[in-house]
Amino acid sequence: MSNSITVTTKEELKSARDAKFQEIIVTDNLANQLKKTKPIAFMGAMTLGIIAAAIAATPFTGGLSAGAGLVGVAALSGMEVAAIILVASIGITLIVAVFKDYEEISYKDGEMVLRRKQK
């Protein structure tokens, strides 16, 4: 098995993490999304629970109700509404799991390099 893999989708990222690659190179839009949502990985369990509940209760149909429901959560968590929507698309569990096991080595627009933390 190679020690490095390049991924572009959340499914590939999950598989790479599960396979415990030493280095994961995240590219394209997923790299930018991960960078914007990284702070969520370091939030407390209570805040994560509130965000998860708000996301689950929010209808993402494009109506005004979606934006209104997330504004309060954004104020509470200190995150932007756009970042919370990205969290919903990637998944809180995956974001937390990735940054628990990996550290960001470098980032440039469209590319994030993650390296497995030494235990």
PDB file of N, CA and C in Angstrom:
ATOM      1  N   MET A   1       0.839  -1.194   0.000  1.00  0.00           N
ATOM      2  CA  MET A   1       0.000   0.000   0.000  1.00  0.00           C
ATOM      3  C   MET A   1       0.878   1.251   0.000  1.00  0.00           C
ATOM      4  N   SER A   2       0.511   2.189  -0.793  1.00  0.00           N
ATOM      5  CA  SER A   2       1.231   3.456  -0.865  1.00  0.00           C
ATOM      6  C   SER A   2       0.977   4.267   0.399  1.00  0.00           C
ATOM      7  N   ASN A   3       1.889   5.149   0.727  1.00  0.00           N
ATOM      8  CA  ASN A   3       1.734   5.988   1.911  1.00  0.00           C
ATOM      9  C   ASN A   3       0.995   7.280   1.620  1.00  0.00           C
ATOM     10  N   SER A   4       0.741   7.575   0.333  1.00  0.00           N
ATOM     11  CA  SER A   4       0.106   8.829  -0.044  1.00  0.00           C
ATOM     12  C   SER A   4      -1.008   8.564  -1.052  1.00  0.00           C
ATOM     13  N   ILE A   5      -2.077   9.358  -0.948  1.00  0.00           N
ATOM     14  CA  ILE A   5      -3.193   9.229  -1.877  1.00  0.00           C
ATOM     15  C   ILE A   5      -3.763  10.617  -2.141  1.00  0.00           C
ATOM     16  N   THR A   6      -4.273  10.810  -3.340  1.00  0.00           N
ATOM     17  CA  THR A   6      -4.932  12.066  -3.701  1.00  0.00           C
ATOM     18  C   THR A   6      -6.429  11.800  -3.808  1.00  0.00           C
ATOM     19  N   VAL A   7      -7.223  12.668  -3.167  1.00  0.00           N
ATOM     20  CA  VAL A   7      -8.675  12.509  -3.169  1.00  0.00           C
ATOM     21  C   VAL A   7      -9.346  13.805  -3.607  1.00  0.00           C
ATOM     22  N   THR A   8     -10.541  13.665  -4.203  1.00  0.00           N
ATOM     23  CA  THR A   8     -11.289  14.845  -4.640  1.00  0.00           C
ATOM     24  C   THR A   8     -12.734  14.841  -4.146  1.00  0.00           C
ATOM     25  N   THR A   9     -13.185  13.712  -3.554  1.00  0.00           N
ATOM     26  CA  THR A   9     -14.560  13.632  -3.067  1.00  0.00           C
ATOM     27  C   THR A   9     -14.573  13.243  -1.592  1.00  0.00           C
ATOM     28  N   LYS A  10     -15.683  13.512  -0.935  1.00  0.00           N
ATOM     29  CA  LYS A  10     -15.770  13.162   0.491  1.00  0.00           C
ATOM     30  C   LYS A  10     -15.743  11.649   0.676  1.00  0.00           C
ATOM     31  N   GLU A  11     -16.265  10.897  -0.285  1.00  0.00           N
ATOM     32  CA  GLU A  11     -16.231   9.440  -0.203  1.00  0.00           C
ATOM     33  C   GLU A  11     -14.786   8.934  -0.279  1.00  0.00           C
ATOM     34  N   GLU A  12     -13.999   9.518  -1.184  1.00  0.00           N
ATOM     35  CA  GLU A  12     -12.588   9.149  -1.288  1.00  0.00           C
ATOM     36  C   GLU A  12     -11.825   9.541  -0.023  1.00  0.00           C
ATOM     37  N   LEU A  13     -12.149  10.699   0.536  1.00  0.00           N
ATOM     38  CA  LEU A  13     -11.508  11.153   1.769  1.00  0.00           C
ATOM     39  C   LEU A  13     -11.801  10.187   2.908  1.00  0.00           C
ATOM     40  N   LYS A  14     -13.047   9.789   3.031  1.00  0.00           N
ATOM     41  CA  LYS A  14     -13.432   8.847   4.085  1.00  0.00           C
ATOM     42  C   LYS A  14     -12.684   7.521   3.915  1.00  0.00           C
ATOM     43  N   SER A  15     -12.626   7.022   2.693  1.00  0.00           N
ATOM     44  CA  SER A  15     -11.921   5.764   2.419  1.00  0.00           C
ATOM     45  C   SER A  15     -10.429   5.873   2.735  1.00  0.00           C
ATOM     46  N   ALA A  16      -9.819   6.992   2.364  1.00  0.00           N
ATOM     47  CA  ALA A  16      -8.394   7.202   2.626  1.00  0.00           C
ATOM     48  C   ALA A  16      -8.118   7.272   4.126  1.00  0.00           C
ATOM     49  N   ARG A  17      -8.997   7.941   4.850  1.00  0.00           N
ATOM     50  CA  ARG A  17      -8.850   8.019   6.307  1.00  0.00           C
ATOM     51  C   ARG A  17      -9.020   6.649   6.934  1.00  0.00           C
ATOM     52  N   ASP A  18     -10.046   5.922   6.500  1.00  0.00           N
ATOM     53  CA  ASP A  18     -10.293   4.577   7.029  1.00  0.00           C
ATOM     54  C   ASP A  18      -9.128   3.631   6.742  1.00  0.00           C
ATOM     55  N   ALA A  19      -8.466   3.822   5.590  1.00  0.00           N
ATOM     56  CA  ALA A  19      -7.318   2.993   5.213  1.00  0.00           C
ATOM     57  C   ALA A  19      -6.031   3.448   5.910  1.00  0.00           C
ATOM     58  N   LYS A  20      -6.100   4.558   6.630  1.00  0.00           N
ATOM     59  CA  LYS A  20      -4.981   5.087   7.427  1.00  0.00           C
ATOM     60  C   LYS A  20      -3.741   5.419   6.597  1.00  0.00           C
ATOM     61  N   PHE A  21      -3.979   6.057   5.450  1.00  0.00           N
ATOM     62  CA  PHE A  21      -2.848   6.536   4.652  1.00  0.00           C
ATOM     63  C   PHE A  21      -2.031   7.518   5.478  1.00  0.00           C
ATOM     64  N   GLN A  22      -0.725   7.523   5.276  1.00  0.00           N
ATOM     65  CA  GLN A  22       0.147   8.457   5.987  1.00  0.00           C
ATOM     66  C   GLN A  22      -0.089   9.889   5.536  1.00  0.00           C
ATOM     67  N   GLU A  23      -0.346  10.075   4.241  1.00  0.00           N
ATOM     68  CA  GLU A  23      -0.552  11.410   3.689  1.00  0.00           C
ATOM     69  C   GLU A  23      -1.747  11.384   2.752  1.00  0.00           C
ATOM     70  N   ILE A  24      -2.624  12.362   2.938  1.00  0.00           N
ATOM     71  CA  ILE A  24      -3.780  12.514   2.063  1.00  0.00           C
ATOM     72  C   ILE A  24      -3.687  13.892   1.427  1.00  0.00           C
ATOM     73  N   ILE A  25      -3.699  13.923   0.104  1.00  0.00           N
ATOM     74  CA  ILE A  25      -3.691  15.180  -0.627  1.00  0.00           C
ATOM     75  C   ILE A  25      -5.121  15.405  -1.117  1.00  0.00           C
ATOM     76  N   VAL A  26      -5.756  16.418  -0.561  1.00  0.00           N
ATOM     77  CA  VAL A  26      -7.137  16.740  -0.912  1.00  0.00           C
ATOM     78  C   VAL A  26      -7.087  17.844  -1.956  1.00  0.00           C
ATOM     79  N   THR A  27      -7.776  17.631  -3.085  1.00  0.00           N
ATOM     80  CA  THR A  27      -7.707  18.610  -4.162  1.00  0.00           C
ATOM     81  C   THR A  27      -9.088  19.143  -4.528  1.00  0.00           C
ATOM     82  N   ASP A  28      -9.052  20.116  -5.408  1.00  0.00           N
ATOM     83  CA  ASP A  28     -10.253  20.735  -5.972  1.00  0.00           C
ATOM     84  C   ASP A  28     -11.093  21.421  -4.890  1.00  0.00           C
ATOM     85  N   ASN A  29     -12.392  21.451  -5.114  1.00  0.00           N
ATOM     86  CA  ASN A  29     -13.289  22.168  -4.220  1.00  0.00           C
ATOM     87  C   ASN A  29     -13.308  21.574  -2.818  1.00  0.00           C
ATOM     88  N   LEU A  30     -13.108  20.262  -2.695  1.00  0.00           N
ATOM     89  CA  LEU A  30     -13.107  19.628  -1.376  1.00  0.00           C
ATOM     90  C   LEU A  30     -12.007  20.202  -0.490  1.00  0.00           C
ATOM     91  N   ALA A  31     -10.850  20.520  -1.051  1.00  0.00           N
ATOM     92  CA  ALA A  31      -9.759  21.112  -0.276  1.00  0.00           C
ATOM     93  C   ALA A  31     -10.192  22.464   0.295  1.00  0.00           C
ATOM     94  N   ASN A  32     -10.831  23.273  -0.533  1.00  0.00           N
ATOM     95  CA  ASN A  32     -11.288  24.589  -0.084  1.00  0.00           C
ATOM     96  C   ASN A  32     -12.384  24.460   0.978  1.00  0.00           C
ATOM     97  N   GLN A  33     -13.278  23.488   0.791  1.00  0.00           N
ATOM     98  CA  GLN A  33     -14.345  23.266   1.769  1.00  0.00           C
ATOM     99  C   GLN A  33     -13.777  22.807   3.108  1.00  0.00           C
ATOM    100  N   LEU A  34     -12.802  21.907   3.067  1.00  0.00           N
ATOM    101  CA  LEU A  34     -12.188  21.431   4.308  1.00  0.00           C
ATOM    102  C   LEU A  34     -11.513  22.573   5.056  1.00  0.00           C
ATOM    103  N   LYS A  35     -10.837  23.432   4.318  1.00  0.00           N
ATOM    104  CA  LYS A  35     -10.154  24.571   4.949  1.00  0.00           C
ATOM    105  C   LYS A  35     -11.165  25.462   5.673  1.00  0.00           C
ATOM    106  N   LYS A  36     -12.307  25.718   5.033  1.00  0.00           N
ATOM    107  CA  LYS A  36     -13.326  26.591   5.630  1.00  0.00           C
ATOM    108  C   LYS A  36     -14.004  25.942   6.821  1.00  0.00           C
ATOM    109  N   THR A  37     -14.103  24.616   6.833  1.00  0.00           N
ATOM    110  CA  THR A  37     -14.816  23.937   7.909  1.00  0.00           C
ATOM    111  C   THR A  37     -13.890  23.395   9.000  1.00  0.00           C
ATOM    112  N   LYS A  38     -12.594  23.529   8.840  1.00  0.00           N
ATOM    113  CA  LYS A  38     -11.626  23.007   9.810  1.00  0.00           C
ATOM    114  C   LYS A  38     -11.925  23.451  11.247  1.00  0.00           C
ATOM    115  N   PRO A  39     -12.315  24.711  11.493  1.00  0.00           N
ATOM    116  CA  PRO A  39     -12.559  25.119  12.880  1.00  0.00           C
ATOM    117  C   PRO A  39     -13.591  24.261  13.610  1.00  0.00           C
ATOM    118  N   ILE A  40     -14.510  23.664  12.879  1.00  0.00           N
ATOM    119  CA  ILE A  40     -15.537  22.861  13.541  1.00  0.00           C
ATOM    120  C   ILE A  40     -14.934  21.644  14.234  1.00  0.00           C
ATOM    121  N   ALA A  41     -13.831  21.149  13.734  1.00  0.00           N
ATOM    122  CA  ALA A  41     -13.198  19.971  14.309  1.00  0.00           C
ATOM    123  C   ALA A  41     -12.701  20.222  15.728  1.00  0.00           C
ATOM    124  N   PHE A  42     -12.549  21.472  16.082  1.00  0.00           N
ATOM    125  CA  PHE A  42     -11.988  21.802  17.383  1.00  0.00           C
ATOM    126  C   PHE A  42     -13.012  22.433  18.329  1.00  0.00           C
ATOM    127  N   MET A  43     -14.276  22.392  17.946  1.00  0.00           N
ATOM    128  CA  MET A  43     -15.335  22.925  18.799  1.00  0.00           C
ATOM    129  C   MET A  43     -15.712  21.888  19.849  1.00  0.00           C
ATOM    130  N   GLY A  44     -16.322  22.361  20.906  1.00  0.00           N
ATOM    131  CA  GLY A  44     -16.757  21.476  21.968  1.00  0.00           C
ATOM    132  C   GLY A  44     -17.938  20.618  21.548  1.00  0.00           C
ATOM    133  N   ALA A  45     -18.155  19.554  22.291  1.00  0.00           N
ATOM    134  CA  ALA A  45     -19.226  18.609  21.987  1.00  0.00           C
ATOM    135  C   ALA A  45     -20.599  19.272  22.007  1.00  0.00           C
ATOM    136  N   MET A  46     -20.806  20.200  22.916  1.00  0.00           N
ATOM    137  CA  MET A  46     -22.110  20.868  23.019  1.00  0.00           C
ATOM    138  C   MET A  46     -22.395  21.695  21.759  1.00  0.00           C
ATOM    139  N   THR A  47     -21.418  22.458  21.319  1.00  0.00           N
ATOM    140  CA  THR A  47     -21.587  23.271  20.116  1.00  0.00           C
ATOM    141  C   THR A  47     -21.785  22.382  18.890  1.00  0.00           C
ATOM    142  N   LEU A  48     -21.012  21.304  18.800  1.00  0.00           N
ATOM    143  CA  LEU A  48     -21.174  20.374  17.685  1.00  0.00           C
ATOM    144  C   LEU A  48     -22.574  19.775  17.671  1.00  0.00           C
ATOM    145  N   GLY A  49     -23.090  19.455  18.845  1.00  0.00           N
ATOM    146  CA  GLY A  49     -24.435  18.903  18.944  1.00  0.00           C
ATOM    147  C   GLY A  49     -25.487  19.883  18.471  1.00  0.00           C
ATOM    148  N   ILE A  50     -25.320  21.139  18.840  1.00  0.00           N
ATOM    149  CA  ILE A  50     -26.269  22.180  18.424  1.00  0.00           C
ATOM    150  C   ILE A  50     -26.220  22.362  16.908  1.00  0.00           C
ATOM    151  N   ILE A  51     -25.011  22.397  16.347  1.00  0.00           N
ATOM    152  CA  ILE A  51     -24.872  22.551  14.894  1.00  0.00           C
ATOM    153  C   ILE A  51     -25.493  21.355  14.182  1.00  0.00           C
ATOM    154  N   ALA A  52     -25.201  20.151  14.663  1.00  0.00           N
ATOM    155  CA  ALA A  52     -25.751  18.942  14.037  1.00  0.00           C
ATOM    156  C   ALA A  52     -27.273  18.943  14.076  1.00  0.00           C
ATOM    157  N   ALA A  53     -27.846  19.336  15.215  1.00  0.00           N
ATOM    158  CA  ALA A  53     -29.302  19.381  15.344  1.00  0.00           C
ATOM    159  C   ALA A  53     -29.903  20.426  14.406  1.00  0.00           C
ATOM    160  N   ALA A  54     -29.260  21.577  14.313  1.00  0.00           N
ATOM    161  CA  ALA A  54     -29.765  22.639  13.440  1.00  0.00           C
ATOM    162  C   ALA A  54     -29.710  22.220  11.978  1.00  0.00           C
ATOM    163  N   ILE A  55     -28.626  21.557  11.601  1.00  0.00           N
ATOM    164  CA  ILE A  55     -28.494  21.091  10.219  1.00  0.00           C
ATOM    165  C   ILE A  55     -29.575  20.056   9.919  1.00  0.00           C
ATOM    166  N   ALA A  56     -29.784  19.139  10.854  1.00  0.00           N
ATOM    167  CA  ALA A  56     -30.785  18.087  10.651  1.00  0.00           C
ATOM    168  C   ALA A  56     -32.191  18.665  10.528  1.00  0.00           C
ATOM    169  N   ALA A  57     -32.457  19.761  11.234  1.00  0.00           N
ATOM    170  CA  ALA A  57     -33.795  20.355  11.243  1.00  0.00           C
ATOM    171  C   ALA A  57     -34.011  21.374  10.127  1.00  0.00           C
ATOM    172  N   THR A  58     -32.962  21.693   9.377  1.00  0.00           N
ATOM    173  CA  THR A  58     -33.058  22.736   8.362  1.00  0.00           C
ATOM    174  C   THR A  58     -33.410  22.144   7.003  1.00  0.00           C
ATOM    175  N   PRO A  59     -34.493  22.618   6.403  1.00  0.00           N
ATOM    176  CA  PRO A  59     -34.828  22.145   5.057  1.00  0.00           C
ATOM    177  C   PRO A  59     -33.965  22.869   4.020  1.00  0.00           C
ATOM    178  N   PHE A  60     -33.129  22.125   3.318  1.00  0.00           N
ATOM    179  CA  PHE A  60     -32.255  22.733   2.320  1.00  0.00           C
ATOM    180  C   PHE A  60     -32.947  22.747   0.962  1.00  0.00           C
ATOM    181  N   THR A  61     -34.040  23.495   0.922  1.00  0.00           N
ATOM    182  CA  THR A  61     -34.813  23.591  -0.316  1.00  0.00           C
ATOM    183  C   THR A  61     -34.556  24.901  -1.025  1.00  0.00           C
ATOM    184  N   GLY A  62     -33.696  25.720  -0.447  1.00  0.00           N
ATOM    185  CA  GLY A  62     -33.369  26.986  -1.083  1.00  0.00           C
ATOM    186  C   GLY A  62     -34.265  28.125  -0.641  1.00  0.00           C
ATOM    187  N   GLY A  63     -35.197  27.837   0.237  1.00  0.00           N
ATOM    188  CA  GLY A  63     -36.100  28.888   0.712  1.00  0.00           C
ATOM    189  C   GLY A  63     -35.461  29.725   1.799  1.00  0.00           C
ATOM    190  N   LEU A  64     -36.172  30.752   2.215  1.00  0.00           N
ATOM    191  CA  LEU A  64     -35.677  31.642   3.254  1.00  0.00           C
ATOM    192  C   LEU A  64     -35.569  30.951   4.605  1.00  0.00           C
ATOM    193  N   SER A  65     -36.372  29.920   4.838  1.00  0.00           N
ATOM    194  CA  SER A  65     -36.349  29.250   6.138  1.00  0.00           C
ATOM    195  C   SER A  65     -34.991  28.620   6.418  1.00  0.00           C
ATOM    196  N   ALA A  66     -34.306  28.137   5.403  1.00  0.00           N
ATOM    197  CA  ALA A  66     -32.995  27.534   5.603  1.00  0.00           C
ATOM    198  C   ALA A  66     -32.014  28.568   6.142  1.00  0.00           C
ATOM    199  N   GLY A  67     -31.971  29.714   5.523  1.00  0.00           N
ATOM    200  CA  GLY A  67     -31.056  30.757   5.969  1.00  0.00           C
ATOM    201  C   GLY A  67     -31.400  31.272   7.349  1.00  0.00           C
ATOM    202  N   ALA A  68     -32.684  31.448   7.622  1.00  0.00           N
ATOM    203  CA  ALA A  68     -33.115  31.958   8.917  1.00  0.00           C
ATOM    204  C   ALA A  68     -32.762  30.994  10.033  1.00  0.00           C
ATOM    205  N   GLY A  69     -32.915  29.702   9.793  1.00  0.00           N
ATOM    206  CA  GLY A  69     -32.623  28.708  10.826  1.00  0.00           C
ATOM    207  C   GLY A  69     -31.150  28.626  11.157  1.00  0.00           C
ATOM    208  N   LEU A  70     -30.295  28.870  10.192  1.00  0.00           N
ATOM    209  CA  LEU A  70     -28.862  28.736  10.424  1.00  0.00           C
ATOM    210  C   LEU A  70     -28.206  30.000  10.961  1.00  0.00           C
ATOM    211  N   VAL A  71     -28.882  31.128  10.832  1.00  0.00           N
ATOM    212  CA  VAL A  71     -28.303  32.385  11.316  1.00  0.00           C
ATOM    213  C   VAL A  71     -28.069  32.318  12.822  1.00  0.00           C
ATOM    214  N   GLY A  72     -29.039  31.804  13.563  1.00  0.00           N
ATOM    215  CA  GLY A  72     -28.887  31.685  15.014  1.00  0.00           C
ATOM    216  C   GLY A  72     -27.753  30.754  15.393  1.00  0.00           C
ATOM    217  N   VAL A  73     -27.634  29.645  14.703  1.00  0.00           N
ATOM    218  CA  VAL A  73     -26.559  28.697  14.967  1.00  0.00           C
ATOM    219  C   VAL A  73     -25.219  29.331  14.627  1.00  0.00           C
ATOM    220  N   ALA A  74     -25.172  30.081  13.552  1.00  0.00           N
ATOM    221  CA  ALA A  74     -23.931  30.756  13.164  1.00  0.00           C
ATOM    222  C   ALA A  74     -23.498  31.740  14.238  1.00  0.00           C
ATOM    223  N   ALA A  75     -24.450  32.480  14.774  1.00  0.00           N
ATOM    224  CA  ALA A  75     -24.127  33.449  15.831  1.00  0.00           C
ATOM    225  C   ALA A  75     -23.623  32.731  17.073  1.00  0.00           C
ATOM    226  N   LEU A  76     -24.255  31.624  17.407  1.00  0.00           N
ATOM    227  CA  LEU A  76     -23.881  30.868  18.598  1.00  0.00           C
ATOM    228  C   LEU A  76     -22.502  30.238  18.466  1.00  0.00           C
ATOM    229  N   SER A  77     -22.213  29.699  17.282  1.00  0.00           N
ATOM    230  CA  SER A  77     -20.963  28.968  17.090  1.00  0.00           C
ATOM    231  C   SER A  77     -19.802  29.845  16.640  1.00  0.00           C
ATOM    232  N   GLY A  78     -20.106  31.035  16.136  1.00  0.00           N
ATOM    233  CA  GLY A  78     -19.059  31.900  15.617  1.00  0.00           C
ATOM    234  C   GLY A  78     -18.663  31.558  14.188  1.00  0.00           C
ATOM    235  N   MET A  79     -19.378  30.652  13.571  1.00  0.00           N
ATOM    236  CA  MET A  79     -19.098  30.266  12.184  1.00  0.00           C
ATOM    237  C   MET A  79     -20.026  31.025  11.249  1.00  0.00           C
ATOM    238  N   GLU A  80     -19.603  31.159  10.012  1.00  0.00           N
ATOM    239  CA  GLU A  80     -20.450  31.780   8.997  1.00  0.00           C
ATOM    240  C   GLU A  80     -21.491  30.769   8.531  1.00  0.00           C
ATOM    241  N   VAL A  81     -22.646  31.267   8.098  1.00  0.00           N
ATOM    242  CA  VAL A  81     -23.705  30.400   7.591  1.00  0.00           C
ATOM    243  C   VAL A  81     -23.177  29.553   6.440  1.00  0.00           C
ATOM    244  N   ALA A  82     -22.394  30.134   5.555  1.00  0.00           N
ATOM    245  CA  ALA A  82     -21.848  29.387   4.415  1.00  0.00           C
ATOM    246  C   ALA A  82     -21.002  28.209   4.889  1.00  0.00           C
ATOM    247  N   ALA A  83     -20.219  28.403   5.946  1.00  0.00           N
ATOM    248  CA  ALA A  83     -19.388  27.317   6.479  1.00  0.00           C
ATOM    249  C   ALA A  83     -20.254  26.215   7.070  1.00  0.00           C
ATOM    250  N   ILE A  84     -21.339  26.593   7.727  1.00  0.00           N
ATOM    251  CA  ILE A  84     -22.242  25.593   8.302  1.00  0.00           C
ATOM    252  C   ILE A  84     -22.901  24.775   7.195  1.00  0.00           C
ATOM    253  N   ILE A  85     -23.255  25.421   6.106  1.00  0.00           N
ATOM    254  CA  ILE A  85     -23.830  24.690   4.970  1.00  0.00           C
ATOM    255  C   ILE A  85     -22.787  23.721   4.393  1.00  0.00           C
ATOM    256  N   LEU A  86     -21.519  24.141   4.326  1.00  0.00           N
ATOM    257  CA  LEU A  86     -20.458  23.246   3.865  1.00  0.00           C
ATOM    258  C   LEU A  86     -20.308  22.053   4.805  1.00  0.00           C
ATOM    259  N   VAL A  87     -20.413  22.322   6.106  1.00  0.00           N
ATOM    260  CA  VAL A  87     -20.340  21.248   7.098  1.00  0.00           C
ATOM    261  C   VAL A  87     -21.425  20.217   6.808  1.00  0.00           C
ATOM    262  N   ALA A  88     -22.613  20.704   6.475  1.00  0.00           N
ATOM    263  CA  ALA A  88     -23.721  19.796   6.170  1.00  0.00           C
ATOM    264  C   ALA A  88     -23.407  18.935   4.954  1.00  0.00           C
ATOM    265  N   SER A  89     -22.742  19.508   3.960  1.00  0.00           N
ATOM    266  CA  SER A  89     -22.460  18.738   2.748  1.00  0.00           C
ATOM    267  C   SER A  89     -21.328  17.730   2.950  1.00  0.00           C
ATOM    268  N   ILE A  90     -20.344  18.055   3.774  1.00  0.00           N
ATOM    269  CA  ILE A  90     -19.230  17.139   4.012  1.00  0.00           C
ATOM    270  C   ILE A  90     -19.574  16.151   5.127  1.00  0.00           C
ATOM    271  N   GLY A  91     -20.174  16.658   6.193  1.00  0.00           N
ATOM    272  CA  GLY A  91     -20.531  15.823   7.331  1.00  0.00           C
ATOM    273  C   GLY A  91     -19.653  16.124   8.530  1.00  0.00           C
ATOM    274  N   ILE A  92     -20.291  16.447   9.654  1.00  0.00           N
ATOM    275  CA  ILE A  92     -19.564  16.774  10.884  1.00  0.00           C
ATOM    276  C   ILE A  92     -18.659  15.623  11.300  1.00  0.00           C
ATOM    277  N   THR A  93     -19.170  14.415  11.256  1.00  0.00           N
ATOM    278  CA  THR A  93     -18.401  13.254  11.704  1.00  0.00           C
ATOM    279  C   THR A  93     -17.109  13.099  10.921  1.00  0.00           C
ATOM    280  N   LEU A  94     -17.183  13.252   9.609  1.00  0.00           N
ATOM    281  CA  LEU A  94     -15.987  13.110   8.780  1.00  0.00           C
ATOM    282  C   LEU A  94     -14.988  14.226   9.055  1.00  0.00           C
ATOM    283  N   ILE A  95     -15.460  15.453   9.178  1.00  0.00           N
ATOM    284  CA  ILE A  95     -14.563  16.589   9.439  1.00  0.00           C
ATOM    285  C   ILE A  95     -13.808  16.386  10.751  1.00  0.00           C
ATOM    286  N   VAL A  96     -14.551  16.054  11.803  1.00  0.00           N
ATOM    287  CA  VAL A  96     -13.928  15.845  13.120  1.00  0.00           C
ATOM    288  C   VAL A  96     -12.945  14.674  13.055  1.00  0.00           C
ATOM    289  N   ALA A  97     -13.343  13.579  12.420  1.00  0.00           N
ATOM    290  CA  ALA A  97     -12.481  12.396  12.338  1.00  0.00           C
ATOM    291  C   ALA A  97     -11.189  12.688  11.583  1.00  0.00           C
ATOM    292  N   VAL A  98     -11.289  13.408  10.478  1.00  0.00           N
ATOM    293  CA  VAL A  98     -10.101  13.716   9.679  1.00  0.00           C
ATOM    294  C   VAL A  98      -9.114  14.556  10.485  1.00  0.00           C
ATOM    295  N   PHE A  99      -9.599  15.620  11.117  1.00  0.00           N
ATOM    296  CA  PHE A  99      -8.672  16.501  11.835  1.00  0.00           C
ATOM    297  C   PHE A  99      -8.255  15.942  13.196  1.00  0.00           C
ATOM    298  N   LYS A 100      -8.932  14.903  13.664  1.00  0.00           N
ATOM    299  CA  LYS A 100      -8.493  14.212  14.880  1.00  0.00           C
ATOM    300  C   LYS A 100      -7.272  13.347  14.557  1.00  0.00           C
ATOM    301  N   ASP A 101      -7.284  12.732  13.381  1.00  0.00           N
ATOM    302  CA  ASP A 101      -6.217  11.811  12.995  1.00  0.00           C
ATOM    303  C   ASP A 101      -5.113  12.437  12.146  1.00  0.00           C
ATOM    304  N   TYR A 102      -5.410  13.580  11.511  1.00  0.00           N
ATOM    305  CA  TYR A 102      -4.460  14.185  10.577  1.00  0.00           C
ATOM    306  C   TYR A 102      -4.221  15.653  10.914  1.00  0.00           C
ATOM    307  N   GLU A 103      -3.018  16.119  10.596  1.00  0.00           N
ATOM    308  CA  GLU A 103      -2.714  17.540  10.734  1.00  0.00           C
ATOM    309  C   GLU A 103      -2.514  18.142   9.352  1.00  0.00           C
ATOM    310  N   GLU A 104      -2.897  19.394   9.234  1.00  0.00           N
ATOM    311  CA  GLU A 104      -2.727  20.103   7.967  1.00  0.00           C
ATOM    312  C   GLU A 104      -1.261  20.493   7.825  1.00  0.00           C
ATOM    313  N   ILE A 105      -0.640  20.028   6.761  1.00  0.00           N
ATOM    314  CA  ILE A 105       0.765  20.332   6.501  1.00  0.00           C
ATOM    315  C   ILE A 105       0.894  21.570   5.626  1.00  0.00           C
ATOM    316  N   SER A 106       0.037  21.650   4.608  1.00  0.00           N
ATOM    317  CA  SER A 106       0.064  22.824   3.741  1.00  0.00           C
ATOM    318  C   SER A 106      -1.303  23.010   3.098  1.00  0.00           C
ATOM    319  N   TYR A 107      -1.530  24.236   2.665  1.00  0.00           N
ATOM    320  CA  TYR A 107      -2.765  24.559   1.961  1.00  0.00           C
ATOM    321  C   TYR A 107      -2.488  25.661   0.958  1.00  0.00           C
ATOM    322  N   LYS A 108      -2.999  25.462  -0.236  1.00  0.00           N
ATOM    323  CA  LYS A 108      -3.083  26.520  -1.241  1.00  0.00           C
ATOM    324  C   LYS A 108      -4.409  26.295  -1.936  1.00  0.00           C
ATOM    325  N   ASP A 109      -4.920  27.299  -2.582  1.00  0.00           N
ATOM    326  CA  ASP A 109      -6.240  27.195  -3.194  1.00  0.00           C
ATOM    327  C   ASP A 109      -6.349  25.919  -4.024  1.00  0.00           C
ATOM    328  N   GLY A 110      -7.273  25.057  -3.626  1.00  0.00           N
ATOM    329  CA  GLY A 110      -7.500  23.830  -4.370  1.00  0.00           C
ATOM    330  C   GLY A 110      -6.631  22.651  -3.975  1.00  0.00           C
ATOM    331  N   GLU A 111      -5.811  22.797  -2.922  1.00  0.00           N
ATOM    332  CA  GLU A 111      -4.987  21.672  -2.481  1.00  0.00           C
ATOM    333  C   GLU A 111      -4.635  21.780  -1.001  1.00  0.00           C
ATOM    334  N   MET A 112      -4.973  20.739  -0.254  1.00  0.00           N
ATOM    335  CA  MET A 112      -4.623  20.652   1.156  1.00  0.00           C
ATOM    336  C   MET A 112      -3.898  19.329   1.361  1.00  0.00           C
ATOM    337  N   VAL A 113      -2.744  19.404   2.031  1.00  0.00           N
ATOM    338  CA  VAL A 113      -1.981  18.195   2.335  1.00  0.00           C
ATOM    339  C   VAL A 113      -2.157  17.895   3.821  1.00  0.00           C
ATOM    340  N   LEU A 114      -2.620  16.682   4.083  1.00  0.00           N
ATOM    341  CA  LEU A 114      -2.825  16.214   5.448  1.00  0.00           C
ATOM    342  C   LEU A 114      -1.852  15.086   5.739  1.00  0.00           C
ATOM    343  N   ARG A 115      -1.261  15.089   6.923  1.00  0.00           N
ATOM    344  CA  ARG A 115      -0.351  14.018   7.324  1.00  0.00           C
ATOM    345  C   ARG A 115      -0.847  13.405   8.619  1.00  0.00           C
ATOM    346  N   ARG A 116      -0.821  12.088   8.667  1.00  0.00           N
ATOM    347  CA  ARG A 116      -1.301  11.361   9.837  1.00  0.00           C
ATOM    348  C   ARG A 116      -0.491  11.761  11.069  1.00  0.00           C
ATOM    349  N   LYS A 117      -1.198  12.053  12.171  1.00  0.00           N
ATOM    350  CA  LYS A 117      -0.528  12.430  13.410  1.00  0.00           C
ATOM    351  C   LYS A 117       0.190  11.227  13.993  1.00  0.00           C
ATOM    352  N   GLN A 118       1.329  11.504  14.579  1.00  0.00           N
ATOM    353  CA  GLN A 118       2.097  10.447  15.253  1.00  0.00           C
ATOM    354  C   GLN A 118       1.484  10.218  16.616  1.00  0.00           C
ATOM    355  N   LYS A 119       1.224   8.968  16.923  1.00  0.00           N
ATOM    356  CA  LYS A 119       0.591   8.647  18.230  1.00  0.00           C
ATOM    357  C   LYS A 119       1.626   8.279  19.243  1.00  0.00           C
TER     358      LYS A 119
END
